[in-house]
């Protein structure tokens, strides 16, 4: 009989686990590379978009700026880029203007959405926000008052962060009296200032027409910027300046068009109008006296609050000085020198006690 052919045995090799997962790691690497490519593309596109918006704003407002200032875009420190704009970061541009009567200068800050950052793009999809235009005017002369008008959300932030508003205008009031509805919140030190600013027909017209673009107005002779951190104990009052700060939102809710940017010119004209008006504005005698009283009260409260801290610091310095002197004397082996040092310390303490003893005897 013919021999039956044996069927070949098939053996399955045991592939190591690290070799089996090569395809998984390959897909993971491809995914990471794709993410990096998307990130860099978004960075380039977002960066160029912010640059384009900044140039569009400057081009549409350049003539108005040159009509009001002798120097536009030159702060005397750095050579301006982008035709006058100074690039601070990929989404922040600044412009310094000077050469106007009774004005130290004006700083324009364009704060765009972080379009170059993927996290910023995602957060914009979840919670849309607007690009912002901040204008800060430093005046040489200005009467004593603090005034702020802002939307509800911004008013809460300003009253919490800004030193002058939280100190002189702690109370928030509705702006219904001036015909602005419940959209704006008024924080004002003196009533006559609000009547002067918000009673102006030009100001009212701009605020009503561009209500969605005017975020806040902040005028103060005590402007010192945001509050210092709570963990720091200041030993002197912060330096203050006379400043008018305007906060405007770009139209389009994060997607402004070039035509909409050109329509923002009346907002910059509002800045010049209010600046000239407040530069000439004078408080009444009652208002001036109230403002001076408020500033004296704040200074006295600050001195009382910091007196204990200054006394503790002085005591700590005295104790540290004594400790160092004791350590030096302990290093001296000569007993005569140590005895002389002890006698000198006793005489010094007697001199300190002498005025107190004399006062007790006279009383």
Protein backbone atom coordinates (compact mmCIF):
# COMPACT_ATOMS: atom_id res chain seq x y z
CA UNK A 1 0.00 0.00 0.00
CA UNK A 2 1.26 3.56 -0.77
CA UNK A 3 2.51 5.52 2.15
CA UNK A 4 0.20 8.24 3.29
CA UNK A 5 1.77 11.68 3.10
CA UNK A 6 1.91 13.38 6.44
CA UNK A 7 0.33 16.83 6.52
CA UNK A 8 2.86 19.55 7.35
CA UNK A 9 2.56 20.97 10.80
CA UNK A 10 1.89 24.71 11.00
CA UNK A 11 3.46 26.44 13.91
CA UNK A 12 2.50 29.96 14.96
CA UNK A 13 5.43 31.96 16.20
CA UNK A 14 5.01 33.91 19.41
CA UNK A 15 5.55 37.55 18.38
CA UNK A 16 6.84 39.73 21.24
CA UNK A 17 4.41 42.29 22.59
CA UNK A 18 6.59 45.31 21.70
CA UNK A 19 6.68 44.18 18.06
CA UNK A 20 2.92 43.68 17.92
CA UNK A 21 2.29 47.32 18.98
CA UNK A 22 4.44 48.89 16.24
CA UNK A 23 1.37 49.78 14.19
CA UNK A 24 -0.29 51.39 17.20
CA UNK A 25 2.76 53.55 17.89
CA UNK A 26 2.97 54.40 14.20
CA UNK A 27 -0.61 55.71 14.19
CA UNK A 28 0.07 57.60 17.41
CA UNK A 29 3.17 59.24 15.91
CA UNK A 30 1.23 60.17 12.77
CA UNK A 31 -1.48 61.70 14.96
CA UNK A 32 1.07 63.76 16.88
CA UNK A 33 2.72 64.96 13.68
CA UNK A 34 -0.67 65.94 12.26
CA UNK A 35 -1.44 67.87 15.46
CA UNK A 36 1.87 69.75 15.22
CA UNK A 37 1.21 70.59 11.58
CA UNK A 38 -2.26 71.93 12.44
CA UNK A 39 -0.78 73.93 15.34
CA UNK A 40 1.87 75.61 13.16
CA UNK A 41 -0.61 76.31 10.37
CA UNK A 42 -2.99 77.89 12.89
CA UNK A 43 -0.09 79.90 14.36
CA UNK A 44 0.86 81.34 10.98
CA UNK A 45 -2.74 82.03 9.94
CA UNK A 46 -3.72 83.58 13.30
CA UNK A 47 -0.58 85.69 13.45
CA UNK A 48 -1.14 87.07 9.95
CA UNK A 49 -4.84 87.73 10.72
CA UNK A 50 -3.98 89.82 13.79
CA UNK A 51 -1.31 91.69 11.82
CA UNK A 52 -3.83 92.39 9.06
CA UNK A 53 -6.42 93.73 11.53
CA UNK A 54 -3.84 95.95 13.25
CA UNK A 55 -2.70 97.44 9.93
CA UNK A 56 -6.31 97.97 8.85
CA UNK A 57 -7.10 99.90 12.03
CA UNK A 58 -3.99 102.05 11.76
CA UNK A 59 -4.56 102.79 8.07
CA UNK A 60 -8.16 103.91 8.66
CA UNK A 61 -7.23 106.09 11.68
CA UNK A 62 -3.83 107.43 10.65
CA UNK A 63 -5.11 110.72 9.20
CA UNK A 64 -7.20 111.45 12.30
CA UNK A 65 -4.20 110.77 14.55
CA UNK A 66 -1.88 112.95 12.50
CA UNK A 67 -4.40 115.81 12.65
CA UNK A 68 -4.33 115.75 16.46
CA UNK A 69 -0.70 114.90 17.25
CA UNK A 70 2.67 116.12 16.09
CA UNK A 71 4.24 112.67 16.52
CA UNK A 72 2.43 109.42 15.78
CA UNK A 73 4.05 106.08 16.50
CA UNK A 74 7.33 107.37 17.94
CA UNK A 75 7.93 106.85 21.66
CA UNK A 76 11.61 107.79 21.47
CA UNK A 77 12.72 104.34 22.63
CA UNK A 78 12.29 101.87 19.78
CA UNK A 79 12.03 102.13 16.03
CA UNK A 80 8.34 101.55 15.24
CA UNK A 81 7.35 98.65 13.04
CA UNK A 82 4.33 98.12 10.80
CA UNK A 83 4.18 101.77 9.80
CA UNK A 84 3.99 103.14 13.34
CA UNK A 85 2.57 100.25 15.36
CA UNK A 86 4.82 98.57 17.89
CA UNK A 87 4.38 94.79 18.11
CA UNK A 88 4.39 93.70 21.76
CA UNK A 89 3.31 90.09 21.09
CA UNK A 90 1.52 88.12 18.40
CA UNK A 91 -1.83 89.56 19.50
CA UNK A 92 -0.94 92.90 21.15
CA UNK A 93 0.10 96.07 19.28
CA UNK A 94 0.75 99.51 20.76
CA UNK A 95 0.98 103.01 19.37
CA UNK A 96 2.32 106.07 21.20
CA UNK A 97 1.21 109.55 20.15
CA UNK A 98 2.52 112.85 21.52
CA UNK A 99 2.70 116.52 20.67
CA UNK A 100 -0.70 117.91 21.72
CA UNK A 101 -1.51 120.85 23.98
CA UNK A 102 -1.83 120.05 27.71
CA UNK A 103 -1.38 116.36 27.03
CA UNK A 104 1.62 114.28 28.00
CA UNK A 105 0.73 111.66 25.42
CA UNK A 106 -1.71 108.99 24.33
CA UNK A 107 -1.11 105.25 24.31
CA UNK A 108 -3.21 103.10 21.98
CA UNK A 109 -3.26 99.35 22.66
CA UNK A 110 -4.80 96.86 20.25
CA UNK A 111 -5.55 93.62 22.10
CA UNK A 112 -6.65 90.95 19.66
CA UNK A 113 -7.90 87.45 20.37
CA UNK A 114 -5.07 84.91 20.58
CA UNK A 115 -5.75 83.56 17.12
CA UNK A 116 -2.20 82.17 16.92
CA UNK A 117 -2.90 79.89 19.90
CA UNK A 118 -5.00 76.73 19.48
CA UNK A 119 -6.25 77.01 23.06
CA UNK A 120 -7.40 80.56 22.35
CA UNK A 121 -9.19 79.42 19.19
CA UNK A 122 -11.00 76.63 21.05
CA UNK A 123 -11.99 78.93 23.93
CA UNK A 124 -13.29 81.44 21.39
CA UNK A 125 -15.60 78.75 19.98
CA UNK A 126 -16.89 77.93 23.47
CA UNK A 127 -17.09 81.46 24.85
CA UNK A 128 -16.90 84.12 22.11
CA UNK A 129 -15.17 87.38 22.95
CA UNK A 130 -14.24 90.54 21.06
CA UNK A 131 -11.00 92.17 20.06
CA UNK A 132 -10.37 95.29 22.11
CA UNK A 133 -9.07 98.80 21.59
CA UNK A 134 -7.70 100.50 24.73
CA UNK A 135 -6.85 104.21 24.64
CA UNK A 136 -5.06 105.78 27.60
CA UNK A 137 -4.62 109.57 27.66
CA UNK A 138 -2.21 111.18 30.15
CA UNK A 139 -3.15 114.79 30.93
CA UNK A 140 -0.92 117.52 32.32
CA UNK A 141 -3.86 119.25 34.00
CA UNK A 142 -7.08 117.78 35.33
CA UNK A 143 -9.39 118.50 38.26
CA UNK A 144 -9.73 116.07 41.18
CA UNK A 145 -12.35 113.38 40.53
CA UNK A 146 -12.78 109.67 39.75
CA UNK A 147 -15.42 108.57 37.27
CA UNK A 148 -16.22 105.28 35.52
CA UNK A 149 -18.99 104.07 33.24
CA UNK A 150 -18.89 100.42 32.17
CA UNK A 151 -20.95 97.45 31.17
CA UNK A 152 -22.06 95.24 34.06
CA UNK A 153 -19.41 92.57 33.58
CA UNK A 154 -16.61 95.07 33.10
CA UNK A 155 -17.83 97.22 36.01
CA UNK A 156 -17.49 94.25 38.38
CA UNK A 157 -13.95 93.66 37.19
CA UNK A 158 -12.91 97.32 37.42
CA UNK A 159 -14.31 97.80 40.92
CA UNK A 160 -12.42 94.72 42.05
CA UNK A 161 -9.09 95.34 40.30
CA UNK A 162 -8.60 99.11 40.04
CA UNK A 163 -7.36 100.87 43.16
CA UNK A 164 -8.88 104.29 42.52
CA UNK A 165 -12.35 103.01 41.64
CA UNK A 166 -12.59 100.67 44.64
CA UNK A 167 -11.35 103.47 46.94
CA UNK A 168 -13.27 106.53 45.74
CA UNK A 169 -16.26 104.93 43.95
CA UNK A 170 -17.22 101.81 45.90
CA UNK A 171 -20.93 102.20 45.09
CA UNK A 172 -22.37 101.07 41.74
CA UNK A 173 -25.34 102.99 40.37
CA UNK A 174 -27.59 102.51 37.37
CA UNK A 175 -27.22 104.84 34.38
CA UNK A 176 -30.98 104.98 33.74
CA UNK A 177 -31.01 108.62 34.79
CA UNK A 178 -28.99 109.51 31.69
CA UNK A 179 -31.01 107.37 29.31
CA UNK A 180 -28.66 104.39 28.90
CA UNK A 181 -30.94 101.72 30.32
CA UNK A 182 -29.59 98.89 32.41
CA UNK A 183 -26.70 98.08 30.10
CA UNK A 184 -24.22 100.43 31.81
CA UNK A 185 -23.22 100.80 35.44
CA UNK A 186 -22.05 104.15 36.84
CA UNK A 187 -19.27 104.47 39.44
CA UNK A 188 -18.81 108.12 40.26
CA UNK A 189 -17.18 110.13 43.06
CA UNK A 190 -18.92 113.46 42.38
CA UNK A 191 -22.37 113.90 40.87
CA UNK A 192 -21.45 117.01 38.87
CA UNK A 193 -18.84 115.05 36.90
CA UNK A 194 -21.41 112.51 35.71
CA UNK A 195 -23.76 115.33 34.68
CA UNK A 196 -20.96 117.02 32.74
CA UNK A 197 -19.79 113.90 30.90
CA UNK A 198 -23.04 112.04 30.29
CA UNK A 199 -25.08 115.19 29.82
CA UNK A 200 -23.06 116.10 26.72
CA UNK A 201 -25.17 115.44 23.58
CA UNK A 202 -22.14 114.29 21.55
CA UNK A 203 -21.15 111.76 24.20
CA UNK A 204 -24.74 110.52 24.51
CA UNK A 205 -25.09 110.14 20.75
CA UNK A 206 -21.93 108.04 20.43
CA UNK A 207 -22.80 105.86 23.44
CA UNK A 208 -26.27 105.16 22.07
CA UNK A 209 -25.09 104.48 18.53
CA UNK A 210 -22.10 102.32 19.50
CA UNK A 211 -23.50 100.84 22.72
CA UNK A 212 -22.20 97.36 21.86
CA UNK A 213 -18.70 98.69 21.17
CA UNK A 214 -18.17 101.04 24.14
CA UNK A 215 -17.01 98.76 26.95
CA UNK A 216 -15.97 101.30 29.60
CA UNK A 217 -14.88 104.89 30.30
CA UNK A 218 -12.50 105.46 33.24
CA UNK A 219 -11.39 109.01 34.15
CA UNK A 220 -9.29 109.63 37.24
CA UNK A 221 -6.73 111.97 38.77
CA UNK A 222 -5.75 109.10 41.10
CA UNK A 223 -5.00 106.47 38.44
CA UNK A 224 -2.41 103.96 39.67
CA UNK A 225 -3.34 100.86 37.72
CA UNK A 226 -4.46 97.50 39.16
CA UNK A 227 -4.29 96.73 42.85
CA UNK A 228 -1.16 95.24 44.35
CA UNK A 229 -1.34 91.58 45.46
CA UNK A 230 -2.91 91.09 48.86
CA UNK A 231 0.14 89.27 50.22
CA UNK A 232 2.26 92.42 49.80
CA UNK A 233 2.02 95.17 52.39
CA UNK A 234 2.80 98.57 50.78
CA UNK A 235 4.72 101.05 52.92
CA UNK A 236 3.81 104.12 50.86
CA UNK A 237 0.93 105.31 48.75
CA UNK A 238 1.13 104.24 45.09
CA UNK A 239 2.18 106.81 42.52
CA UNK A 240 -0.85 108.28 40.76
CA UNK A 241 -1.33 109.98 37.40
CA UNK A 242 -4.07 111.95 35.66
CA UNK A 243 -5.46 109.55 33.10
CA UNK A 244 -8.47 109.04 30.86
CA UNK A 245 -8.87 105.40 29.83
CA UNK A 246 -11.30 104.30 27.10
CA UNK A 247 -12.15 100.66 26.38
CA UNK A 248 -13.79 99.79 23.05
CA UNK A 249 -14.76 96.47 21.49
CA UNK A 250 -14.13 95.73 17.84
CA UNK A 251 -17.35 94.98 15.93
CA UNK A 252 -18.10 91.49 14.69
CA UNK A 253 -17.78 89.59 18.00
CA UNK A 254 -14.35 88.13 17.21
CA UNK A 255 -14.67 88.31 13.42
CA UNK A 256 -14.38 91.99 12.45
CA UNK A 257 -14.46 92.98 8.81
CA UNK A 258 -12.26 95.69 7.31
CA UNK A 259 -15.33 97.86 6.61
CA UNK A 260 -16.44 97.56 10.23
CA UNK A 261 -13.00 98.64 11.45
CA UNK A 262 -13.24 101.81 9.37
CA UNK A 263 -16.57 102.58 11.08
CA UNK A 264 -14.76 102.89 14.45
CA UNK A 265 -13.47 106.40 13.69
CA UNK A 266 -16.24 108.12 15.76
CA UNK A 267 -14.93 106.28 18.84
CA UNK A 268 -11.51 107.88 18.48
CA UNK A 269 -13.17 111.24 17.84
CA UNK A 270 -15.04 110.72 21.12
CA UNK A 271 -11.67 110.36 22.88
CA UNK A 272 -10.49 113.74 21.61
CA UNK A 273 -13.81 115.42 22.41
CA UNK A 274 -13.92 114.14 26.01
CA UNK A 275 -10.23 114.93 26.53
CA UNK A 276 -10.69 118.57 25.54
CA UNK A 277 -13.87 118.84 27.61
CA UNK A 278 -12.38 117.43 30.84
CA UNK A 279 -9.18 119.40 30.42
CA UNK A 280 -11.23 122.60 30.66
CA UNK A 281 -13.69 121.30 33.26
CA UNK A 282 -13.53 122.82 36.76
CA UNK A 283 -15.30 121.58 39.86
CA UNK A 284 -17.49 123.80 41.97
CA UNK A 285 -16.27 124.93 45.39
CA UNK A 286 -18.37 122.27 47.10
CA UNK A 287 -17.13 119.57 44.75
CA UNK A 288 -13.51 120.66 45.15
CA UNK A 289 -13.80 120.61 48.95
CA UNK A 290 -15.41 117.16 48.90
CA UNK A 291 -12.70 115.79 46.62
CA UNK A 292 -9.92 117.14 48.83
CA UNK A 293 -11.65 115.72 51.91
CA UNK A 294 -11.89 112.30 50.28
CA UNK A 295 -8.19 112.29 49.40
CA UNK A 296 -7.18 113.37 52.90
CA UNK A 297 -9.36 110.65 54.38
CA UNK A 298 -7.78 108.00 52.17
CA UNK A 299 -4.28 109.16 53.05
CA UNK A 300 -5.02 109.12 56.80
CA UNK A 301 -6.54 105.64 56.59
CA UNK A 302 -3.50 104.40 54.70
CA UNK A 303 -1.08 105.88 57.27
CA UNK A 304 -3.00 104.27 60.14
CA UNK A 305 -3.05 100.91 58.39
CA UNK A 306 0.66 100.97 57.63
CA UNK A 307 1.82 102.45 60.95
CA UNK A 308 1.82 99.05 62.68
CA UNK A 309 3.64 97.45 59.76
CA UNK A 310 6.32 100.16 59.76
CA UNK A 311 6.76 99.83 63.54
CA UNK A 312 7.21 96.06 63.22
CA UNK A 313 9.76 96.49 60.45
CA UNK A 314 11.73 99.03 62.52
CA UNK A 315 11.68 96.75 65.56
CA UNK A 316 12.86 93.80 63.48
CA UNK A 317 15.75 95.88 62.11
CA UNK A 318 16.79 96.94 65.62
CA UNK A 319 16.73 93.38 66.89
CA UNK A 320 18.71 92.17 63.90
CA UNK A 321 21.33 94.87 64.47
CA UNK A 322 21.65 93.93 68.15
CA UNK A 323 21.97 90.27 67.30
CA UNK A 324 24.79 90.96 64.85
CA UNK A 325 26.60 93.08 67.43
CA UNK A 326 26.30 90.32 70.05
CA UNK A 327 27.68 87.77 67.62
CA UNK A 328 30.64 90.04 66.89
CA UNK A 329 31.36 90.52 70.60
CA UNK A 330 31.18 86.80 71.28
CA UNK A 331 33.92 86.35 68.73
CA UNK A 332 36.15 88.72 70.71
CA UNK A 333 38.32 86.91 73.26
CA UNK A 334 39.46 90.02 75.07
CA UNK A 335 37.27 90.41 78.23
CA UNK A 336 38.10 94.14 78.50
CA UNK A 337 36.64 94.82 75.06
CA UNK A 338 33.55 92.82 75.90
CA UNK A 339 33.13 94.74 79.18
CA UNK A 340 33.47 98.08 77.35
CA UNK A 341 30.86 96.99 74.84
CA UNK A 342 28.42 96.07 77.64
CA UNK A 343 28.98 99.45 79.31
CA UNK A 344 28.38 101.25 76.03
CA UNK A 345 25.11 99.34 75.59
CA UNK A 346 24.00 100.32 79.11
CA UNK A 347 24.71 104.02 78.44
CA UNK A 348 22.78 103.80 75.17
CA UNK A 349 19.76 102.32 76.92
CA UNK A 350 19.93 105.01 79.64
CA UNK A 351 19.87 107.73 76.97
CA UNK A 352 16.77 106.16 75.43
CA UNK A 353 15.01 106.06 78.80
CA UNK A 354 16.01 109.60 79.82
CA UNK A 355 13.27 111.47 77.84
CA UNK A 356 10.59 109.13 79.21
CA UNK A 357 11.81 109.57 82.82
CA UNK A 358 11.90 113.34 82.39
CA UNK A 359 8.37 113.35 81.04
CA UNK A 360 7.17 111.29 84.02
CA UNK A 361 8.79 113.69 86.51
CA UNK A 362 7.26 116.78 84.88
CA UNK A 363 3.83 115.18 84.82
